[in-house]
Every structure is written in structure tokens, then in C-alpha cells.
Amino acid sequence: MRLIRRTLAAVALSGLVAGPVQAADDPAVKTVESLYASFDGALKSGAKDVKARADAIGPAMKESFDFPAMVRVAVGPKWKAFTPEQQGALTEAFTQYFTTTYANRLAQAAGGKFEVTPQVEARGSSRVVHTKVANAQGEDSQIDFLLNPGNRVQDVLLNGDVSEVASQRTLFSDPIKAGGAEALLKFLRERTAGMLAAKPAP
């Protein structure tokens, strides 16, 4: 077991963790490995501001995450009352907001490492890929990805049980109550613009 742990730690710096042959080809694991590879690449490229990191990880985020499903769940029952145009605008705004949020968080992982566990946990028709992200000081956090049958991420669980989508649903409730789809759209765009405008740390 000690040898396995050392091996995982040694290769995690690249954002990819080798596993058993049967797990290495698991499409759920590959989705998360590709996502982490883009995160690692953005950090190694020297992109210091949020916009540069968001541009770097954006394609991988769109490929890996099922944003249309995530925003539907985050909005809740009110989603069905929105027009197709409002739903489309909210999906795009949510995609930009979520990607920018992750680009903003990446600064905390600079100099650290990403570790993907090759064994996948089945949860009904969904699957969970377990990972750890460590910062430069060696402090790590458990981050688990819940993937749908199409092997796209439908939720992220922080520290094993804190749902990102559930957190967003709580955050979105006030704008939706205040002004429905248009208020939520404004909220998402303003939050995204605020993160993008933040100056990088010296």
C-alpha cells in the first residue's frame, strides 16, 4: 500500500494518475483526468489572471461538464416557467460563471498537485470519481465528481458531501424570487464580471 501511495503521489503532479489496466480505460476516469490535465496546463502556462485561466480551461470544462443539466437542477422547478430563450441565455451565463469560478479557484492550487483515484464508485446510474487536490503547502481537499451515464460531470462534491449544484441552488434562490430569469441572468453575469475584473496576486 505504501508503494502504491508513493506512485500515485509521484505522477499526480502531471494531473494524471495511472491505475490498473481495466480502470485506465474507464471513460469516467478519463473525463476527470482530461479536466485536471487542462487545470495543470493552465497553471504551468503561467496564466496568472482569472480571464487567462478561464480561456485556458474553458474548452475542457465544456467538454467535461453537463452544464445544461446542472443549471436546470440549480434553478429548480422555476426552470420550466422560463422561455426557451431565457433557458438558453441562462445556460450560457451559467457555463461562463462556473468556468470562471473554477479559474478563480485555480490560484489556490498553484504549485500543488491533482490526484485521481482510478477506482470508480457506482451510484445508481451515475458514477463517482474520487480525487484530491493539494496546494503548494501540501494541504489537500477531497473533491469528488459525479458523472452521468454519458460520462459528463453533473455535480462536484466538496469534501465528499457538499454538493456544488445544491450550493448554487441556494445562492440562486434570492435572485429568482426577486425577478425570475432576468434577475438570475443579471446575477450570473455580474458575478462572472466581478471575478474576471479581479487583479492577479503579485
Protein backbone atom coordinates (compact mmCIF):
# COMPACT_ATOMS: atom_id res chain seq x y z
CA MET A 1 0.00 0.00 0.00
CA ARG A 2 2.85 2.41 0.78
CA LEU A 3 4.37 1.78 -2.63
CA ILE A 4 1.02 2.47 -4.32
CA ARG A 5 0.61 5.74 -2.43
CA ARG A 6 4.14 6.86 -3.36
CA THR A 7 3.49 6.03 -7.01
CA LEU A 8 0.22 7.99 -7.06
CA ALA A 9 1.86 10.99 -5.43
CA ALA A 10 4.79 10.94 -7.87
CA VAL A 11 2.65 11.07 -11.01
CA ALA A 12 -0.09 13.34 -9.67
CA LEU A 13 1.94 16.47 -10.46
CA SER A 14 1.08 16.00 -14.10
CA GLY A 15 -2.62 15.90 -13.23
CA LEU A 16 -2.95 12.30 -14.37
CA VAL A 17 -2.78 9.24 -12.16
CA ALA A 18 -2.13 5.82 -13.64
CA GLY A 19 -4.35 2.98 -12.45
CA PRO A 20 -4.93 -0.68 -13.20
CA VAL A 21 -5.33 -1.51 -16.87
CA GLN A 22 -9.05 -2.06 -16.56
CA ALA A 23 -9.51 1.30 -14.79
CA ALA A 24 -7.19 3.27 -17.05
CA ASP A 25 -9.66 2.93 -19.91
CA ASP A 26 -12.68 3.86 -17.80
CA PRO A 27 -14.34 6.79 -19.61
CA ALA A 28 -15.45 8.39 -16.33
CA VAL A 29 -11.86 8.46 -15.08
CA LYS A 30 -10.66 9.75 -18.44
CA THR A 31 -13.12 12.65 -18.25
CA VAL A 32 -11.72 13.78 -14.90
CA GLU A 33 -8.12 13.15 -15.93
CA SER A 34 -8.59 15.33 -19.02
CA LEU A 35 -10.17 18.04 -16.92
CA TYR A 36 -7.32 18.02 -14.42
CA ALA A 37 -4.78 17.97 -17.24
CA SER A 38 -6.29 21.24 -18.50
CA PHE A 39 -6.11 22.72 -14.99
CA ASP A 40 -2.50 21.66 -14.65
CA GLY A 41 -1.68 23.03 -18.09
CA ALA A 42 -3.27 26.39 -17.28
CA LEU A 43 -1.17 26.68 -14.12
CA LYS A 44 2.06 25.65 -15.83
CA SER A 45 1.46 28.08 -18.69
CA GLY A 46 1.91 30.94 -16.25
CA ALA A 47 -1.61 32.31 -16.71
CA LYS A 48 -1.94 34.46 -13.61
CA ASP A 49 -5.18 36.36 -14.14
CA VAL A 50 -8.61 34.76 -13.97
CA LYS A 51 -9.51 35.53 -17.59
CA ALA A 52 -6.40 33.81 -18.95
CA ARG A 53 -7.07 30.74 -16.83
CA ALA A 54 -10.76 30.72 -17.83
CA ASP A 55 -9.78 30.86 -21.51
CA ALA A 56 -7.32 28.01 -20.96
CA ILE A 57 -9.70 25.64 -19.19
CA GLY A 58 -12.92 26.67 -20.96
CA PRO A 59 -12.86 24.05 -23.74
CA ALA A 60 -12.18 21.20 -21.30
CA MET A 61 -14.90 22.45 -18.96
CA LYS A 62 -17.48 22.47 -21.76
CA GLU A 63 -16.39 19.01 -22.83
CA SER A 64 -16.42 17.53 -19.32
CA PHE A 65 -19.46 19.16 -17.66
CA ASP A 66 -23.14 18.75 -18.47
CA PHE A 67 -23.90 22.43 -17.92
CA PRO A 68 -27.47 22.34 -19.30
CA ALA A 69 -28.43 19.67 -16.76
CA MET A 70 -26.58 21.38 -13.93
CA VAL A 71 -28.27 24.76 -14.41
CA ARG A 72 -31.70 23.10 -14.62
CA VAL A 73 -31.16 21.45 -11.25
CA ALA A 74 -29.61 24.59 -9.74
CA VAL A 75 -32.61 26.69 -10.78
CA GLY A 76 -35.15 24.11 -9.64
CA PRO A 77 -38.90 23.96 -10.51
CA LYS A 78 -38.92 27.55 -11.81
CA TRP A 79 -36.89 26.39 -14.81
CA LYS A 80 -39.98 25.07 -16.60
CA ALA A 81 -41.62 28.51 -16.43
CA PHE A 82 -38.74 30.18 -18.27
CA THR A 83 -38.94 30.67 -22.04
CA PRO A 84 -36.57 28.71 -24.31
CA GLU A 85 -34.69 31.97 -24.94
CA GLN A 86 -34.28 32.56 -21.22
CA GLN A 87 -33.16 28.98 -20.67
CA GLY A 88 -30.56 29.29 -23.42
CA ALA A 89 -29.22 32.59 -22.07
CA LEU A 90 -29.06 31.18 -18.53
CA THR A 91 -27.25 28.05 -19.68
CA GLU A 92 -24.61 30.15 -21.44
CA ALA A 93 -24.27 32.53 -18.49
CA PHE A 94 -24.04 29.62 -16.04
CA THR A 95 -21.35 27.98 -18.17
CA GLN A 96 -19.27 31.16 -18.12
CA TYR A 97 -19.91 31.70 -14.42
CA PHE A 98 -19.00 28.16 -13.42
CA THR A 99 -15.88 28.11 -15.60
CA THR A 100 -14.75 31.46 -14.22
CA THR A 101 -15.36 30.24 -10.68
CA TYR A 102 -13.02 27.31 -11.27
CA ALA A 103 -10.45 29.53 -12.97
CA ASN A 104 -10.57 31.76 -9.89
CA ARG A 105 -10.09 28.80 -7.56
CA LEU A 106 -7.12 27.52 -9.54
CA ALA A 107 -4.88 30.15 -7.97
CA GLN A 108 -5.15 28.18 -4.72
CA ALA A 109 -3.76 25.06 -6.43
CA ALA A 110 -0.67 26.73 -7.89
CA GLY A 111 2.40 24.68 -7.01
CA GLY A 112 0.24 21.82 -5.80
CA LYS A 113 -0.95 18.58 -7.35
CA PHE A 114 -4.05 16.76 -8.57
CA GLU A 115 -4.63 13.11 -7.72
CA VAL A 116 -7.31 10.95 -9.36
CA THR A 117 -8.31 7.63 -7.80
CA PRO A 118 -8.65 5.03 -10.58
CA GLN A 119 -11.44 3.07 -8.87
CA VAL A 120 -14.90 4.42 -9.70
CA GLU A 121 -17.89 4.23 -7.33
CA ALA A 122 -21.31 3.42 -8.80
CA ARG A 123 -24.30 5.39 -7.50
CA GLY A 124 -27.37 4.19 -9.33
CA SER A 125 -26.98 5.13 -12.98
CA SER A 126 -24.33 7.72 -12.05
CA ARG A 127 -20.69 7.19 -11.12
CA VAL A 128 -18.34 8.96 -8.75
CA VAL A 129 -14.67 9.62 -9.45
CA HIS A 130 -12.75 10.44 -6.26
CA THR A 131 -9.89 12.94 -6.34
CA LYS A 132 -7.69 15.03 -4.09
CA VAL A 133 -6.27 18.46 -4.79
CA ALA A 134 -3.31 19.71 -2.76
CA ASN A 135 -1.94 23.24 -2.59
CA ALA A 136 1.73 24.21 -2.50
CA GLN A 137 1.78 23.80 1.29
CA GLY A 138 0.63 20.18 0.98
CA GLU A 139 -2.85 20.80 2.37
CA ASP A 140 -5.31 18.70 0.41
CA SER A 141 -9.05 18.70 -0.18
CA GLN A 142 -11.26 15.83 -1.27
CA ILE A 143 -13.13 16.64 -4.47
CA ASP A 144 -15.42 14.01 -5.99
CA PHE A 145 -17.02 14.23 -9.42
CA LEU A 146 -20.49 12.79 -10.03
CA LEU A 147 -20.79 11.74 -13.68
CA ASN A 148 -23.90 10.83 -15.64
CA PRO A 149 -24.20 7.74 -17.89
CA GLY A 150 -22.71 9.81 -20.71
CA ASN A 151 -19.57 10.35 -18.59
CA ARG A 152 -20.10 14.07 -18.20
CA VAL A 153 -19.91 15.77 -14.81
CA GLN A 154 -23.32 16.61 -13.34
CA ASP A 155 -22.14 17.67 -9.89
CA VAL A 156 -19.00 18.19 -7.82
CA LEU A 157 -18.89 17.10 -4.18
CA LEU A 158 -16.52 19.07 -1.97
CA ASN A 159 -15.05 17.20 0.99
CA GLY A 160 -17.10 14.20 -0.03
CA ASP A 161 -20.60 15.52 0.58
CA VAL A 162 -21.05 19.26 -0.15
CA SER A 163 -22.83 19.47 -3.49
CA GLU A 164 -21.80 22.35 -5.76
CA VAL A 165 -25.15 22.27 -7.54
CA ALA A 166 -27.08 22.36 -4.26
CA SER A 167 -24.94 25.29 -3.11
CA GLN A 168 -25.67 27.12 -6.35
CA ARG A 169 -29.39 26.45 -5.93
CA THR A 170 -29.30 28.14 -2.54
CA LEU A 171 -27.33 31.04 -3.99
CA PHE A 172 -29.74 31.46 -6.91
CA SER A 173 -32.92 31.42 -4.83
CA ASP A 174 -32.91 35.13 -3.93
CA PRO A 175 -32.37 36.46 -7.48
CA ILE A 176 -35.07 34.12 -8.80
CA LYS A 177 -37.53 35.24 -6.14
CA ALA A 178 -36.69 38.88 -6.83
CA GLY A 179 -37.04 38.85 -10.61
CA GLY A 180 -37.13 35.40 -12.14
CA ALA A 181 -34.94 34.50 -15.10
CA GLU A 182 -33.83 38.05 -15.89
CA ALA A 183 -32.69 38.72 -12.33
CA LEU A 184 -30.76 35.45 -12.23
CA LEU A 185 -29.17 36.22 -15.60
CA LYS A 186 -28.03 39.61 -14.30
CA PHE A 187 -26.72 37.97 -11.11
CA LEU A 188 -24.66 35.40 -13.05
CA ARG A 189 -23.21 37.98 -15.42
CA GLU A 190 -22.30 40.38 -12.63
CA ARG A 191 -20.66 37.63 -10.57
CA THR A 192 -18.65 36.50 -13.61
CA ALA A 193 -17.59 40.06 -14.47
CA GLY A 194 -16.51 40.64 -10.89
CA MET A 195 -14.23 37.59 -10.88
CA LEU A 196 -12.76 38.47 -14.27
CA ALA A 197 -12.01 42.02 -13.15
CA ALA A 198 -10.05 40.91 -10.09
CA LYS A 199 -6.36 41.77 -10.31
CA PRO A 200 -3.92 38.83 -10.05
CA ALA A 201 -1.91 38.49 -6.88
CA PRO A 202 1.62 39.92 -7.21
